[in-house]
Amino acid sequence: MCGISGIVRFQVSAHDPGNDLAAVRAMNQKLIPRGPDDEGYHQEGPVTLGNRRLAIQDLSPAGHMPMHSATGRHVVTFNGEIYN
């Protein structure tokens, strides 16, 4: 089981993105038992995502989260598998 954390700011005018990243990193530290194998972060605009990974099926770095599309336009973090 993996762990997912994040912050979405609906009022972005007065927030500091560095504070959000620090908060998500702190959340991820609490999730280490759920995903001790890897961690990842993505921050863009008002969204900060964090993920802790438990590598069971795909042990390679290709399973690193958050995942980015080939163009870099799309980012996703989830707990599950993608087929095809």
N, C-alpha and C. Protein backbone atom coordinates (compact mmCIF):
# COMPACT_ATOMS: atom_id res chain seq x y z
N MET A 1 0.86 -1.17 0.00
CA MET A 1 0.00 0.00 0.00
C MET A 1 0.90 1.23 0.00
N CYS A 2 0.63 2.15 -0.85
CA CYS A 2 1.39 3.39 -0.94
C CYS A 2 0.72 4.48 -0.11
N GLY A 3 1.39 5.59 0.03
CA GLY A 3 0.83 6.74 0.73
C GLY A 3 0.86 7.95 -0.16
N ILE A 4 -0.23 8.70 -0.16
CA ILE A 4 -0.35 9.89 -1.01
C ILE A 4 -0.69 11.08 -0.12
N SER A 5 -0.04 12.20 -0.37
CA SER A 5 -0.32 13.42 0.37
C SER A 5 -0.34 14.59 -0.60
N GLY A 6 -0.95 15.68 -0.19
CA GLY A 6 -0.97 16.84 -1.06
C GLY A 6 -1.70 18.02 -0.48
N ILE A 7 -1.49 19.16 -1.10
CA ILE A 7 -2.15 20.41 -0.74
C ILE A 7 -2.61 21.07 -2.03
N VAL A 8 -3.83 21.57 -2.03
CA VAL A 8 -4.34 22.39 -3.13
C VAL A 8 -4.79 23.71 -2.53
N ARG A 9 -4.26 24.80 -3.02
CA ARG A 9 -4.62 26.14 -2.54
C ARG A 9 -5.60 26.76 -3.52
N PHE A 10 -6.77 27.12 -3.02
CA PHE A 10 -7.75 27.77 -3.88
C PHE A 10 -7.56 29.27 -3.91
N GLN A 11 -6.88 29.82 -2.91
CA GLN A 11 -6.51 31.23 -2.91
C GLN A 11 -4.99 31.29 -2.94
N VAL A 12 -4.43 31.48 -4.12
CA VAL A 12 -2.99 31.38 -4.29
C VAL A 12 -2.27 32.72 -4.15
N SER A 13 -2.99 33.80 -3.98
CA SER A 13 -2.35 35.11 -4.01
C SER A 13 -1.39 35.33 -2.85
N ALA A 14 -1.66 34.76 -1.68
CA ALA A 14 -0.85 35.08 -0.51
C ALA A 14 -0.12 33.88 0.07
N HIS A 15 0.05 32.82 -0.68
CA HIS A 15 0.73 31.67 -0.10
C HIS A 15 2.16 31.54 -0.61
N ASP A 16 2.98 30.88 0.17
CA ASP A 16 4.37 30.63 -0.18
C ASP A 16 4.51 29.16 -0.58
N PRO A 17 4.81 28.86 -1.84
CA PRO A 17 4.91 27.46 -2.28
C PRO A 17 5.93 26.65 -1.49
N GLY A 18 6.97 27.31 -0.99
CA GLY A 18 7.97 26.61 -0.20
C GLY A 18 7.37 26.04 1.09
N ASN A 19 6.44 26.77 1.68
CA ASN A 19 5.77 26.28 2.88
C ASN A 19 4.93 25.04 2.57
N ASP A 20 4.26 25.03 1.42
CA ASP A 20 3.45 23.87 1.04
C ASP A 20 4.33 22.64 0.83
N LEU A 21 5.45 22.82 0.17
CA LEU A 21 6.35 21.69 -0.06
C LEU A 21 6.88 21.15 1.27
N ALA A 22 7.22 22.04 2.18
CA ALA A 22 7.69 21.60 3.50
C ALA A 22 6.60 20.84 4.24
N ALA A 23 5.36 21.30 4.13
CA ALA A 23 4.25 20.62 4.80
C ALA A 23 4.01 19.24 4.19
N VAL A 24 4.07 19.11 2.86
CA VAL A 24 3.87 17.82 2.21
C VAL A 24 5.03 16.88 2.54
N ARG A 25 6.23 17.39 2.62
CA ARG A 25 7.37 16.56 3.04
C ARG A 25 7.15 16.02 4.45
N ALA A 26 6.64 16.85 5.34
CA ALA A 26 6.35 16.41 6.71
C ALA A 26 5.25 15.35 6.71
N MET A 27 4.23 15.52 5.87
CA MET A 27 3.18 14.51 5.75
C MET A 27 3.77 13.19 5.27
N ASN A 28 4.66 13.28 4.27
CA ASN A 28 5.26 12.06 3.72
C ASN A 28 6.10 11.32 4.76
N GLN A 29 6.72 12.04 5.66
CA GLN A 29 7.50 11.39 6.71
C GLN A 29 6.61 10.51 7.59
N LYS A 30 5.38 10.94 7.81
CA LYS A 30 4.43 10.15 8.60
C LYS A 30 3.96 8.91 7.84
N LEU A 31 4.11 8.92 6.51
CA LEU A 31 3.64 7.82 5.66
C LEU A 31 4.72 6.79 5.34
N ILE A 32 5.89 6.92 5.91
CA ILE A 32 6.99 5.99 5.60
C ILE A 32 6.59 4.54 5.79
N PRO A 33 5.85 4.16 6.85
CA PRO A 33 5.46 2.75 6.97
C PRO A 33 4.59 2.25 5.81
N ARG A 34 3.87 3.13 5.16
CA ARG A 34 3.02 2.73 4.03
C ARG A 34 3.81 2.61 2.73
N GLY A 35 4.94 3.28 2.65
CA GLY A 35 5.75 3.25 1.42
C GLY A 35 7.20 3.50 1.72
N PRO A 36 7.93 2.51 2.20
CA PRO A 36 9.32 2.73 2.60
C PRO A 36 10.33 2.72 1.46
N ASP A 37 9.92 2.38 0.23
CA ASP A 37 10.88 2.15 -0.84
C ASP A 37 11.27 3.38 -1.65
N ASP A 38 10.41 4.39 -1.72
CA ASP A 38 10.70 5.55 -2.57
C ASP A 38 9.78 6.69 -2.16
N GLU A 39 10.17 7.91 -2.50
CA GLU A 39 9.31 9.05 -2.29
C GLU A 39 9.48 10.01 -3.46
N GLY A 40 8.44 10.79 -3.72
CA GLY A 40 8.51 11.76 -4.80
C GLY A 40 7.58 12.93 -4.55
N TYR A 41 7.88 14.06 -5.20
CA TYR A 41 7.10 15.28 -5.02
C TYR A 41 6.90 15.96 -6.36
N HIS A 42 5.82 16.71 -6.45
CA HIS A 42 5.58 17.55 -7.62
C HIS A 42 4.87 18.79 -7.13
N GLN A 43 5.35 19.95 -7.58
CA GLN A 43 4.72 21.21 -7.20
C GLN A 43 4.55 22.05 -8.45
N GLU A 44 3.33 22.50 -8.65
CA GLU A 44 3.02 23.36 -9.80
C GLU A 44 1.84 24.24 -9.45
N GLY A 45 2.05 25.54 -9.49
CA GLY A 45 0.98 26.48 -9.15
C GLY A 45 0.46 26.21 -7.75
N PRO A 46 -0.85 26.07 -7.61
CA PRO A 46 -1.44 25.88 -6.28
C PRO A 46 -1.45 24.44 -5.79
N VAL A 47 -0.85 23.52 -6.56
CA VAL A 47 -0.92 22.10 -6.22
C VAL A 47 0.47 21.57 -5.83
N THR A 48 0.52 20.89 -4.68
CA THR A 48 1.73 20.21 -4.24
C THR A 48 1.36 18.78 -3.93
N LEU A 49 2.01 17.82 -4.58
CA LEU A 49 1.73 16.40 -4.39
C LEU A 49 2.94 15.68 -3.80
N GLY A 50 2.65 14.70 -2.96
CA GLY A 50 3.70 13.84 -2.42
C GLY A 50 3.26 12.40 -2.49
N ASN A 51 4.22 11.49 -2.62
CA ASN A 51 3.90 10.07 -2.71
C ASN A 51 4.98 9.26 -2.02
N ARG A 52 4.56 8.27 -1.26
CA ARG A 52 5.46 7.26 -0.69
C ARG A 52 5.16 5.96 -1.41
N ARG A 53 6.19 5.24 -1.83
CA ARG A 53 5.99 4.06 -2.67
C ARG A 53 6.41 2.78 -1.97
N LEU A 54 5.54 1.80 -2.05
CA LEU A 54 5.86 0.44 -1.65
C LEU A 54 6.01 -0.35 -2.94
N ALA A 55 7.23 -0.70 -3.29
CA ALA A 55 7.52 -1.36 -4.56
C ALA A 55 7.29 -2.87 -4.41
N ILE A 56 6.22 -3.37 -5.01
CA ILE A 56 5.92 -4.80 -4.96
C ILE A 56 5.99 -5.40 -6.35
N GLN A 57 5.23 -4.87 -7.30
CA GLN A 57 5.21 -5.40 -8.66
C GLN A 57 6.39 -4.90 -9.48
N ASP A 58 6.48 -3.59 -9.65
CA ASP A 58 7.54 -3.00 -10.46
C ASP A 58 8.62 -2.46 -9.53
N LEU A 59 9.72 -3.15 -9.44
CA LEU A 59 10.79 -2.74 -8.54
C LEU A 59 11.75 -1.74 -9.17
N SER A 60 11.54 -1.43 -10.45
CA SER A 60 12.44 -0.53 -11.16
C SER A 60 12.09 0.93 -10.87
N PRO A 61 12.99 1.85 -11.21
CA PRO A 61 12.70 3.27 -11.06
C PRO A 61 11.56 3.76 -11.97
N ALA A 62 11.13 2.95 -12.93
CA ALA A 62 10.03 3.35 -13.83
C ALA A 62 8.72 3.52 -13.07
N GLY A 63 8.63 2.96 -11.87
CA GLY A 63 7.42 3.10 -11.07
C GLY A 63 7.44 4.29 -10.13
N HIS A 64 8.44 5.16 -10.27
CA HIS A 64 8.56 6.34 -9.41
C HIS A 64 7.33 7.23 -9.55
N MET A 65 6.85 7.75 -8.44
CA MET A 65 5.70 8.66 -8.43
C MET A 65 6.10 9.99 -7.83
N PRO A 66 5.42 11.04 -8.17
CA PRO A 66 4.42 11.20 -9.19
C PRO A 66 4.98 10.93 -10.59
N MET A 67 4.13 10.35 -11.44
CA MET A 67 4.52 10.04 -12.81
C MET A 67 4.19 11.22 -13.72
N HIS A 68 5.08 11.46 -14.68
CA HIS A 68 4.88 12.52 -15.66
C HIS A 68 4.68 11.90 -17.04
N SER A 69 3.81 12.51 -17.83
CA SER A 69 3.60 12.03 -19.20
C SER A 69 4.87 12.29 -20.01
N ALA A 70 4.95 11.69 -21.18
CA ALA A 70 6.13 11.84 -22.04
C ALA A 70 6.40 13.30 -22.38
N THR A 71 5.33 14.09 -22.50
CA THR A 71 5.50 15.50 -22.83
C THR A 71 5.73 16.36 -21.59
N GLY A 72 5.48 15.80 -20.40
CA GLY A 72 5.62 16.55 -19.17
C GLY A 72 4.40 17.39 -18.83
N ARG A 73 3.39 17.33 -19.68
CA ARG A 73 2.19 18.15 -19.47
C ARG A 73 1.31 17.62 -18.35
N HIS A 74 1.24 16.30 -18.21
CA HIS A 74 0.35 15.68 -17.24
C HIS A 74 1.15 15.01 -16.13
N VAL A 75 0.62 15.11 -14.92
CA VAL A 75 1.25 14.51 -13.75
C VAL A 75 0.18 13.77 -12.97
N VAL A 76 0.52 12.58 -12.48
CA VAL A 76 -0.45 11.80 -11.70
C VAL A 76 0.29 11.09 -10.57
N THR A 77 -0.38 10.97 -9.46
CA THR A 77 0.11 10.11 -8.39
C THR A 77 -1.06 9.26 -7.94
N PHE A 78 -0.82 7.97 -7.75
CA PHE A 78 -1.92 7.07 -7.42
C PHE A 78 -1.37 5.80 -6.79
N ASN A 79 -2.25 4.99 -6.30
CA ASN A 79 -1.91 3.68 -5.75
C ASN A 79 -2.61 2.66 -6.63
N GLY A 80 -1.86 1.95 -7.44
CA GLY A 80 -2.47 0.96 -8.33
C GLY A 80 -1.50 0.55 -9.42
N GLU A 81 -2.05 -0.02 -10.47
CA GLU A 81 -1.27 -0.49 -11.59
C GLU A 81 -1.90 -0.01 -12.89
N ILE A 82 -1.08 0.18 -13.90
CA ILE A 82 -1.55 0.55 -15.23
C ILE A 82 -1.21 -0.60 -16.16
N TYR A 83 -2.21 -1.08 -16.88
CA TYR A 83 -2.00 -2.14 -17.87
C TYR A 83 -2.22 -1.57 -19.26
N ASN A 84 -1.42 -2.03 -20.21
CA ASN A 84 -1.50 -1.61 -21.61
C ASN A 84 -1.20 -0.13 -21.74
